[in-house]
Amino acid sequence: MDQEGNRGDEVNTMVDPYAVIQMPWITEKTLEARRIADGDDRRQQNNNRLEFIVRRESTKPQIKEAVETLLDVKVSKVNTRITRTGKHASVRLADGYDAEEAALKLGAF
């Protein structure tokens, strides 16, 4: 690692967000994950999330940068998994940002 904390094999270049994110993934389960939990309901710990289908070669930092660029939000965490439908990215927005508003920016609703 160098002084900035980067590994030598990674190139920190601006990636086209449209080349990383293929489409939003909208299902009943992902609609529930967008909601912000209120104080009474502790079951919704994984809240304020958006889901996307991304390119299989995309890394978590690239996905984070693409979402922040496209939606003008801050991302606190990115989780990925590979399924039959492609590579899914579950993006948790930072405190102070609302996934409902970000979904509206996407034109998803």
Protein backbone atom coordinates (compact mmCIF):
# COMPACT_ATOMS: atom_id res chain seq x y z
CA MET A 1 0.00 0.00 0.00
CA ASP A 2 1.15 3.51 -0.69
CA GLN A 3 0.78 6.55 1.57
CA GLU A 4 -2.80 7.22 0.45
CA GLY A 5 -3.85 3.68 1.39
CA ASN A 6 -4.17 2.47 -2.23
CA ARG A 7 -2.90 -0.83 -3.45
CA GLY A 8 -0.52 -0.55 -6.36
CA ASP A 9 -2.74 -2.51 -8.77
CA GLU A 10 -5.70 -0.13 -8.50
CA VAL A 11 -6.01 2.92 -10.70
CA ASN A 12 -7.95 5.81 -9.18
CA THR A 13 -9.56 7.21 -12.30
CA MET A 14 -13.02 8.63 -12.71
CA VAL A 15 -15.28 5.86 -13.98
CA ASP A 16 -18.35 6.57 -16.09
CA PRO A 17 -21.27 5.86 -13.71
CA TYR A 18 -23.38 4.60 -16.59
CA ALA A 19 -20.70 2.01 -17.38
CA VAL A 20 -20.84 0.69 -13.80
CA ILE A 21 -24.57 0.73 -13.01
CA GLN A 22 -26.70 -1.17 -15.49
CA MET A 23 -30.12 -0.65 -13.89
CA PRO A 24 -31.89 -0.30 -10.55
CA TRP A 25 -33.17 -3.56 -9.07
CA ILE A 26 -36.75 -3.03 -7.94
CA THR A 27 -38.54 -5.82 -6.08
CA GLU A 28 -40.90 -5.94 -3.13
CA LYS A 29 -37.97 -6.72 -0.85
CA THR A 30 -35.91 -3.77 -2.11
CA LEU A 31 -38.88 -1.45 -1.66
CA GLU A 32 -38.98 -2.41 2.02
CA ALA A 33 -35.22 -1.80 2.35
CA ARG A 34 -35.63 1.83 1.21
CA ARG A 35 -37.74 2.75 4.20
CA ILE A 36 -36.15 4.48 7.14
CA ALA A 37 -36.90 2.68 10.40
CA ASP A 38 -38.81 4.61 13.00
CA GLY A 39 -38.02 4.33 16.68
CA ASP A 40 -40.77 1.78 17.37
CA ASP A 41 -39.93 -0.78 14.70
CA ARG A 42 -36.47 -2.27 15.28
CA ARG A 43 -36.94 -5.01 12.69
CA GLN A 44 -35.86 -2.75 9.83
CA GLN A 45 -32.18 -2.42 10.67
CA ASN A 46 -31.14 -2.66 7.00
CA ASN A 47 -32.85 0.52 5.95
CA ASN A 48 -32.15 3.42 3.64
CA ARG A 49 -30.81 1.12 0.92
CA LEU A 50 -30.98 1.04 -2.86
CA GLU A 51 -30.27 -1.99 -5.04
CA PHE A 52 -28.66 -2.02 -8.47
CA ILE A 53 -27.55 -4.48 -11.11
CA VAL A 54 -23.95 -3.59 -11.89
CA ARG A 55 -21.24 -4.80 -14.24
CA ARG A 56 -19.62 -7.96 -12.97
CA GLU A 57 -16.16 -6.37 -13.14
CA SER A 58 -17.19 -3.37 -11.00
CA THR A 59 -15.54 -2.95 -7.63
CA LYS A 60 -17.17 -1.62 -4.48
CA PRO A 61 -15.29 1.72 -4.67
CA GLN A 62 -16.39 2.13 -8.31
CA ILE A 63 -20.02 1.39 -7.38
CA LYS A 64 -19.87 3.86 -4.49
CA GLU A 65 -18.43 6.59 -6.72
CA ALA A 66 -21.00 5.92 -9.45
CA VAL A 67 -23.97 6.13 -7.07
CA GLU A 68 -22.63 9.28 -5.41
CA THR A 69 -22.11 10.90 -8.81
CA LEU A 70 -25.47 9.93 -10.30
CA LEU A 71 -27.70 10.61 -7.32
CA ASP A 72 -25.75 13.37 -5.55
CA VAL A 73 -25.75 11.45 -2.25
CA LYS A 74 -23.14 10.04 0.13
CA VAL A 75 -22.82 6.27 0.42
CA SER A 76 -21.90 4.69 3.74
CA LYS A 77 -21.61 1.05 2.62
CA VAL A 78 -21.76 -1.15 -0.47
CA ASN A 79 -22.46 -4.89 -0.38
CA THR A 80 -22.33 -7.05 -3.49
CA ARG A 81 -23.43 -10.53 -4.45
CA ILE A 82 -23.50 -12.48 -7.68
CA THR A 83 -26.69 -14.29 -8.68
CA ARG A 84 -28.21 -15.74 -11.83
CA THR A 85 -29.56 -12.30 -12.73
CA GLY A 86 -26.11 -10.68 -12.48
CA LYS A 87 -24.06 -8.83 -9.91
CA HIS A 88 -26.24 -7.03 -7.36
CA ALA A 89 -25.06 -4.06 -5.34
CA SER A 90 -26.89 -3.11 -2.16
CA VAL A 91 -25.99 0.50 -1.39
CA ARG A 92 -26.66 2.00 2.03
CA LEU A 93 -26.90 5.77 2.04
CA ALA A 94 -25.21 7.85 4.72
CA ASP A 95 -27.17 9.50 7.50
CA GLY A 96 -28.97 12.58 6.28
CA TYR A 97 -29.80 11.12 2.86
CA ASP A 98 -33.10 9.45 2.00
CA ALA A 99 -33.33 6.44 -0.32
CA GLU A 100 -36.92 7.38 -1.23
CA GLU A 101 -35.77 10.74 -2.60
CA ALA A 102 -32.83 9.13 -4.40
CA ALA A 103 -35.19 6.63 -6.05
CA LEU A 104 -37.31 9.50 -7.27
CA LYS A 105 -34.20 11.05 -8.85
CA LEU A 106 -33.70 7.78 -10.71
CA GLY A 107 -37.19 7.98 -12.09
CA ALA A 108 -37.94 4.60 -10.58
CA PHE A 109 -41.17 5.94 -9.02
